């Protein structure tokens, strides 16, 4: 075999690398667990990833208090919700609950905003 004889061969196809699943940060996991543990009637509303916004979840308690977290992916949240029977909704399809819009922070515990 002479030098350059293999120039006619097609290059080997590279194996696609497995991407490591992005992990939800531990401090966010603790905050989600704490919110669910200390509130009643919590539901999760997953906000879809868009061109300028990362995947996120809004946790809404029965009194309307809510908390938003960004997520690298929703796998951890889905496993967590399945273990605790936490309902998960797609915010793009379902929208947000009225109690979330009516909840006002800092004006009293669970106090609803007056009708306009």
C-alpha atoms as a PDB file:
ATOM      1  CA  UNK A   1       0.000   0.000   0.000  1.00  0.00           C
ATOM      2  CA  UNK A   2       1.404   3.343  -0.995  1.00  0.00           C
ATOM      3  CA  UNK A   3       0.933   6.619   0.772  1.00  0.00           C
ATOM      4  CA  UNK A   4      -2.252   8.305  -0.341  1.00  0.00           C
ATOM      5  CA  UNK A   5      -3.926   5.120  -1.636  1.00  0.00           C
ATOM      6  CA  UNK A   6      -6.674   5.386   0.942  1.00  0.00           C
ATOM      7  CA  UNK A   7      -7.640   8.884  -0.149  1.00  0.00           C
ATOM      8  CA  UNK A   8     -10.562   7.465  -2.137  1.00  0.00           C
ATOM      9  CA  UNK A   9     -12.150   5.888   0.960  1.00  0.00           C
ATOM     10  CA  UNK A  10     -14.980   7.612   2.690  1.00  0.00           C
ATOM     11  CA  UNK A  11     -14.189   8.918   6.146  1.00  0.00           C
ATOM     12  CA  UNK A  12     -15.433   6.804   9.017  1.00  0.00           C
ATOM     13  CA  UNK A  13     -18.677   7.920  10.452  1.00  0.00           C
ATOM     14  CA  UNK A  14     -18.152   9.216  13.955  1.00  0.00           C
ATOM     15  CA  UNK A  15     -20.245   7.698  16.662  1.00  0.00           C
ATOM     16  CA  UNK A  16     -22.652  10.189  18.115  1.00  0.00           C
ATOM     17  CA  UNK A  17     -21.681  11.034  21.661  1.00  0.00           C
ATOM     18  CA  UNK A  18     -24.186  10.400  24.361  1.00  0.00           C
ATOM     19  CA  UNK A  19     -25.189  13.625  25.954  1.00  0.00           C
ATOM     20  CA  UNK A  20     -25.222  13.606  29.703  1.00  0.00           C
ATOM     21  CA  UNK A  21     -28.581  14.502  31.024  1.00  0.00           C
ATOM     22  CA  UNK A  22     -28.530  17.936  32.566  1.00  0.00           C
ATOM     23  CA  UNK A  23     -29.181  17.755  36.271  1.00  0.00           C
ATOM     24  CA  UNK A  24     -31.525  19.958  38.238  1.00  0.00           C
ATOM     25  CA  UNK A  25     -29.397  21.864  40.773  1.00  0.00           C
ATOM     26  CA  UNK A  26     -29.564  20.506  44.336  1.00  0.00           C
ATOM     27  CA  UNK A  27     -30.645  23.868  45.783  1.00  0.00           C
ATOM     28  CA  UNK A  28     -33.589  23.983  43.352  1.00  0.00           C
ATOM     29  CA  UNK A  29     -34.502  20.395  44.244  1.00  0.00           C
ATOM     30  CA  UNK A  30     -34.484  21.332  47.942  1.00  0.00           C
ATOM     31  CA  UNK A  31     -36.600  24.427  47.301  1.00  0.00           C
ATOM     32  CA  UNK A  32     -39.170  22.441  45.305  1.00  0.00           C
ATOM     33  CA  UNK A  33     -39.336  19.742  47.987  1.00  0.00           C
ATOM     34  CA  UNK A  34     -39.695  22.364  50.722  1.00  0.00           C
ATOM     35  CA  UNK A  35     -42.480  24.199  48.859  1.00  0.00           C
ATOM     36  CA  UNK A  36     -44.439  20.984  48.283  1.00  0.00           C
ATOM     37  CA  UNK A  37     -43.884  19.799  51.852  1.00  0.00           C
ATOM     38  CA  UNK A  38     -44.959  23.061  53.519  1.00  0.00           C
ATOM     39  CA  UNK A  39     -47.982  23.931  51.337  1.00  0.00           C
ATOM     40  CA  UNK A  40     -51.262  22.182  50.661  1.00  0.00           C
ATOM     41  CA  UNK A  41     -52.739  21.334  47.283  1.00  0.00           C
ATOM     42  CA  UNK A  42     -49.633  22.081  45.207  1.00  0.00           C
ATOM     43  CA  UNK A  43     -49.842  21.688  41.437  1.00  0.00           C
ATOM     44  CA  UNK A  44     -47.021  22.011  38.900  1.00  0.00           C
ATOM     45  CA  UNK A  45     -47.404  23.984  35.665  1.00  0.00           C
ATOM     46  CA  UNK A  46     -44.599  23.310  33.194  1.00  0.00           C
ATOM     47  CA  UNK A  47     -43.790  26.249  30.939  1.00  0.00           C
ATOM     48  CA  UNK A  48     -42.410  25.128  27.579  1.00  0.00           C
ATOM     49  CA  UNK A  49     -38.964  26.071  26.338  1.00  0.00           C
ATOM     50  CA  UNK A  50     -38.989  28.901  23.801  1.00  0.00           C
ATOM     51  CA  UNK A  51     -36.344  30.656  21.724  1.00  0.00           C
ATOM     52  CA  UNK A  52     -35.556  33.115  24.507  1.00  0.00           C
ATOM     53  CA  UNK A  53     -36.771  31.329  27.638  1.00  0.00           C
ATOM     54  CA  UNK A  54     -35.559  28.126  29.249  1.00  0.00           C
ATOM     55  CA  UNK A  55     -37.846  25.322  30.408  1.00  0.00           C
ATOM     56  CA  UNK A  56     -39.427  26.259  33.733  1.00  0.00           C
ATOM     57  CA  UNK A  57     -42.037  25.108  36.208  1.00  0.00           C
ATOM     58  CA  UNK A  58     -44.430  27.107  38.349  1.00  0.00           C
ATOM     59  CA  UNK A  59     -45.584  25.468  41.577  1.00  0.00           C
ATOM     60  CA  UNK A  60     -48.980  26.759  42.720  1.00  0.00           C
ATOM     61  CA  UNK A  61     -50.395  26.058  46.195  1.00  0.00           C
ATOM     62  CA  UNK A  62     -54.111  25.851  46.999  1.00  0.00           C
ATOM     63  CA  UNK A  63     -54.131  29.413  48.379  1.00  0.00           C
ATOM     64  CA  UNK A  64     -52.573  30.765  45.161  1.00  0.00           C
ATOM     65  CA  UNK A  65     -49.017  31.202  46.416  1.00  0.00           C
ATOM     66  CA  UNK A  66     -46.623  30.333  43.621  1.00  0.00           C
ATOM     67  CA  UNK A  67     -42.948  29.828  42.942  1.00  0.00           C
ATOM     68  CA  UNK A  68     -41.105  29.555  39.597  1.00  0.00           C
ATOM     69  CA  UNK A  69     -37.987  27.484  38.841  1.00  0.00           C
ATOM     70  CA  UNK A  70     -35.996  27.030  35.650  1.00  0.00           C
ATOM     71  CA  UNK A  71     -35.143  23.441  34.769  1.00  0.00           C
ATOM     72  CA  UNK A  72     -32.539  21.911  32.469  1.00  0.00           C
ATOM     73  CA  UNK A  73     -35.150  19.234  31.661  1.00  0.00           C
ATOM     74  CA  UNK A  74     -38.298  17.932  33.282  1.00  0.00           C
ATOM     75  CA  UNK A  75     -37.184  14.369  34.081  1.00  0.00           C
ATOM     76  CA  UNK A  76     -36.402  15.043  37.759  1.00  0.00           C
ATOM     77  CA  UNK A  77     -39.683  16.930  38.230  1.00  0.00           C
ATOM     78  CA  UNK A  78     -41.719  14.120  36.662  1.00  0.00           C
ATOM     79  CA  UNK A  79     -40.096  11.474  38.883  1.00  0.00           C
ATOM     80  CA  UNK A  80     -40.601  13.679  41.958  1.00  0.00           C
ATOM     81  CA  UNK A  81     -44.246  14.354  41.053  1.00  0.00           C
ATOM     82  CA  UNK A  82     -44.994  10.686  40.433  1.00  0.00           C
ATOM     83  CA  UNK A  83     -43.670   9.696  43.876  1.00  0.00           C
ATOM     84  CA  UNK A  84     -45.806  12.350  45.585  1.00  0.00           C
ATOM     85  CA  UNK A  85     -48.920  12.244  43.382  1.00  0.00           C
ATOM     86  CA  UNK A  86     -48.287  15.875  42.419  1.00  0.00           C
ATOM     87  CA  UNK A  87     -50.371  16.862  39.384  1.00  0.00           C
ATOM     88  CA  UNK A  88     -48.406  18.305  36.452  1.00  0.00           C
ATOM     89  CA  UNK A  89     -50.038  20.458  33.785  1.00  0.00           C
ATOM     90  CA  UNK A  90     -48.743  22.039  30.597  1.00  0.00           C
ATOM     91  CA  UNK A  91     -49.053  25.799  31.151  1.00  0.00           C
ATOM     92  CA  UNK A  92     -49.192  26.400  27.389  1.00  0.00           C
ATOM     93  CA  UNK A  93     -52.306  24.236  27.093  1.00  0.00           C
ATOM     94  CA  UNK A  94     -54.039  24.643  30.473  1.00  0.00           C
ATOM     95  CA  UNK A  95     -53.061  28.188  31.362  1.00  0.00           C
ATOM     96  CA  UNK A  96     -52.628  29.197  35.000  1.00  0.00           C
ATOM     97  CA  UNK A  97     -55.185  28.835  37.772  1.00  0.00           C
ATOM     98  CA  UNK A  98     -57.177  31.912  38.771  1.00  0.00           C
ATOM     99  CA  UNK A  99     -56.010  31.639  42.374  1.00  0.00           C
ATOM    100  CA  UNK A 100     -52.458  32.258  41.200  1.00  0.00           C
ATOM    101  CA  UNK A 101     -53.413  35.551  39.575  1.00  0.00           C
ATOM    102  CA  UNK A 102     -55.430  36.598  42.609  1.00  0.00           C
ATOM    103  CA  UNK A 103     -52.693  35.886  45.127  1.00  0.00           C
ATOM    104  CA  UNK A 104     -50.775  38.898  46.370  1.00  0.00           C
ATOM    105  CA  UNK A 105     -47.447  38.509  48.137  1.00  0.00           C
ATOM    106  CA  UNK A 106     -46.611  40.569  51.174  1.00  0.00           C
ATOM    107  CA  UNK A 107     -50.122  41.940  51.758  1.00  0.00           C
ATOM    108  CA  UNK A 108     -51.146  39.160  54.087  1.00  0.00           C
ATOM    109  CA  UNK A 109     -51.085  35.420  54.206  1.00  0.00           C
ATOM    110  CA  UNK A 110     -53.118  34.171  51.234  1.00  0.00           C
ATOM    111  CA  UNK A 111     -55.061  37.407  50.887  1.00  0.00           C
ATOM    112  CA  UNK A 112     -56.815  37.758  47.558  1.00  0.00           C
ATOM    113  CA  UNK A 113     -56.582  40.920  45.492  1.00  0.00           C
ATOM    114  CA  UNK A 114     -59.745  43.058  45.374  1.00  0.00           C
ATOM    115  CA  UNK A 115     -61.782  42.882  42.165  1.00  0.00           C
ATOM    116  CA  UNK A 116     -61.104  45.772  39.790  1.00  0.00           C
END
